[in-house]
Amino acid sequence: MSLFQDVRKEYSKVQWPKKKEIISSTVWVVVMAVILSIYLGVFDLIATRLLKNLVSLFGG
Protein backbone atom coordinates (compact mmCIF):
# COMPACT_ATOMS: atom_id res chain seq x y z
CA MET A 1 0.00 0.00 0.00
CA SER A 2 1.34 3.42 -0.87
CA LEU A 3 1.64 6.33 1.49
CA PHE A 4 -1.21 8.21 -0.19
CA GLN A 5 -3.54 5.24 0.14
CA ASP A 6 -2.70 5.00 3.84
CA VAL A 7 -3.29 8.71 4.29
CA ARG A 8 -6.63 8.49 2.50
CA LYS A 9 -7.67 5.52 4.65
CA GLU A 10 -6.77 7.33 7.87
CA TYR A 11 -8.40 10.55 6.65
CA SER A 12 -11.70 8.73 6.25
CA LYS A 13 -11.51 7.65 9.92
CA VAL A 14 -11.21 11.21 11.21
CA GLN A 15 -14.24 12.42 13.12
CA TRP A 16 -14.54 16.10 12.28
CA PRO A 17 -16.30 18.47 14.70
CA LYS A 18 -19.80 19.65 13.92
CA LYS A 19 -20.45 23.25 12.88
CA LYS A 20 -22.10 23.96 16.25
CA GLU A 21 -19.01 22.72 18.13
CA ILE A 22 -16.70 24.88 16.02
CA ILE A 23 -18.81 27.98 16.60
CA SER A 24 -19.05 27.27 20.33
CA SER A 25 -15.30 26.77 20.64
CA THR A 26 -14.56 29.91 18.63
CA VAL A 27 -16.90 32.02 20.76
CA TRP A 28 -15.32 30.61 23.93
CA VAL A 29 -11.81 31.45 22.71
CA VAL A 30 -12.78 35.01 21.71
CA VAL A 31 -14.54 35.64 25.05
CA MET A 32 -11.56 34.32 27.01
CA ALA A 33 -9.16 36.44 24.92
CA VAL A 34 -11.22 39.57 25.65
CA ILE A 35 -11.36 38.77 29.39
CA LEU A 36 -7.61 38.13 29.51
CA SER A 37 -6.90 41.34 27.58
CA ILE A 38 -8.99 43.38 30.01
CA TYR A 39 -7.31 41.71 32.99
CA LEU A 40 -3.82 42.36 31.63
CA GLY A 41 -4.71 45.93 30.69
CA VAL A 42 -5.97 46.69 34.20
CA PHE A 43 -2.93 45.01 35.75
CA ASP A 44 -0.62 47.03 33.49
CA LEU A 45 -2.39 50.27 34.37
CA ILE A 46 -2.13 49.58 38.11
CA ALA A 47 1.51 48.51 37.87
CA THR A 48 2.42 51.59 35.81
CA ARG A 49 0.78 53.99 38.25
CA LEU A 50 2.33 52.21 41.23
CA LEU A 51 5.81 52.40 39.73
CA LYS A 52 5.37 56.07 38.79
CA ASN A 53 4.32 56.85 42.36
CA LEU A 54 7.28 54.93 43.79
CA VAL A 55 9.72 56.72 41.48
CA SER A 56 8.29 60.14 42.35
CA LEU A 57 8.27 59.25 46.06
CA PHE A 58 11.97 58.45 46.07
CA GLY A 59 12.95 61.47 43.98
CA GLY A 60 13.55 59.83 40.62
C-alpha atoms as a PDB file:
ATOM      1  CA  MET A   1       0.000   0.000   0.000  1.00  0.00           C
ATOM      2  CA  SER A   2       1.339   3.417  -0.870  1.00  0.00           C
ATOM      3  CA  LEU A   3       1.637   6.327   1.486  1.00  0.00           C
ATOM      4  CA  PHE A   4      -1.206   8.209  -0.185  1.00  0.00           C
ATOM      5  CA  GLN A   5      -3.540   5.242   0.140  1.00  0.00           C
ATOM      6  CA  ASP A   6      -2.702   5.003   3.837  1.00  0.00           C
ATOM      7  CA  VAL A   7      -3.292   8.709   4.290  1.00  0.00           C
ATOM      8  CA  ARG A   8      -6.632   8.487   2.497  1.00  0.00           C
ATOM      9  CA  LYS A   9      -7.669   5.518   4.647  1.00  0.00           C
ATOM     10  CA  GLU A  10      -6.774   7.331   7.874  1.00  0.00           C
ATOM     11  CA  TYR A  11      -8.401  10.552   6.653  1.00  0.00           C
ATOM     12  CA  SER A  12     -11.703   8.729   6.249  1.00  0.00           C
ATOM     13  CA  LYS A  13     -11.513   7.649   9.917  1.00  0.00           C
ATOM     14  CA  VAL A  14     -11.205  11.209  11.206  1.00  0.00           C
ATOM     15  CA  GLN A  15     -14.238  12.420  13.115  1.00  0.00           C
ATOM     16  CA  TRP A  16     -14.540  16.100  12.278  1.00  0.00           C
ATOM     17  CA  PRO A  17     -16.295  18.471  14.702  1.00  0.00           C
ATOM     18  CA  LYS A  18     -19.795  19.651  13.915  1.00  0.00           C
ATOM     19  CA  LYS A  19     -20.447  23.250  12.884  1.00  0.00           C
ATOM     20  CA  LYS A  20     -22.099  23.960  16.255  1.00  0.00           C
ATOM     21  CA  GLU A  21     -19.010  22.716  18.131  1.00  0.00           C
ATOM     22  CA  ILE A  22     -16.698  24.876  16.019  1.00  0.00           C
ATOM     23  CA  ILE A  23     -18.809  27.984  16.599  1.00  0.00           C
ATOM     24  CA  SER A  24     -19.050  27.266  20.326  1.00  0.00           C
ATOM     25  CA  SER A  25     -15.298  26.773  20.644  1.00  0.00           C
ATOM     26  CA  THR A  26     -14.561  29.907  18.631  1.00  0.00           C
ATOM     27  CA  VAL A  27     -16.898  32.025  20.763  1.00  0.00           C
ATOM     28  CA  TRP A  28     -15.321  30.611  23.932  1.00  0.00           C
ATOM     29  CA  VAL A  29     -11.807  31.451  22.712  1.00  0.00           C
ATOM     30  CA  VAL A  30     -12.784  35.006  21.710  1.00  0.00           C
ATOM     31  CA  VAL A  31     -14.535  35.639  25.049  1.00  0.00           C
ATOM     32  CA  MET A  32     -11.557  34.322  27.010  1.00  0.00           C
ATOM     33  CA  ALA A  33      -9.158  36.435  24.924  1.00  0.00           C
ATOM     34  CA  VAL A  34     -11.217  39.568  25.650  1.00  0.00           C
ATOM     35  CA  ILE A  35     -11.359  38.774  29.385  1.00  0.00           C
ATOM     36  CA  LEU A  36      -7.615  38.130  29.508  1.00  0.00           C
ATOM     37  CA  SER A  37      -6.904  41.338  27.577  1.00  0.00           C
ATOM     38  CA  ILE A  38      -8.992  43.379  30.008  1.00  0.00           C
ATOM     39  CA  TYR A  39      -7.311  41.712  32.991  1.00  0.00           C
ATOM     40  CA  LEU A  40      -3.824  42.356  31.629  1.00  0.00           C
ATOM     41  CA  GLY A  41      -4.715  45.935  30.694  1.00  0.00           C
ATOM     42  CA  VAL A  42      -5.971  46.692  34.204  1.00  0.00           C
ATOM     43  CA  PHE A  43      -2.926  45.009  35.750  1.00  0.00           C
ATOM     44  CA  ASP A  44      -0.616  47.031  33.488  1.00  0.00           C
ATOM     45  CA  LEU A  45      -2.391  50.272  34.371  1.00  0.00           C
ATOM     46  CA  ILE A  46      -2.132  49.585  38.114  1.00  0.00           C
ATOM     47  CA  ALA A  47       1.512  48.512  37.873  1.00  0.00           C
ATOM     48  CA  THR A  48       2.425  51.589  35.811  1.00  0.00           C
ATOM     49  CA  ARG A  49       0.785  53.990  38.249  1.00  0.00           C
ATOM     50  CA  LEU A  50       2.331  52.214  41.227  1.00  0.00           C
ATOM     51  CA  LEU A  51       5.805  52.398  39.732  1.00  0.00           C
ATOM     52  CA  LYS A  52       5.373  56.066  38.788  1.00  0.00           C
ATOM     53  CA  ASN A  53       4.320  56.847  42.358  1.00  0.00           C
ATOM     54  CA  LEU A  54       7.278  54.933  43.785  1.00  0.00           C
ATOM     55  CA  VAL A  55       9.716  56.719  41.480  1.00  0.00           C
ATOM     56  CA  SER A  56       8.294  60.144  42.348  1.00  0.00           C
ATOM     57  CA  LEU A  57       8.269  59.251  46.060  1.00  0.00           C
ATOM     58  CA  PHE A  58      11.970  58.447  46.066  1.00  0.00           C
ATOM     59  CA  GLY A  59      12.950  61.472  43.983  1.00  0.00           C
ATOM     60  CA  GLY A  60      13.552  59.828  40.620  1.00  0.00           C
END
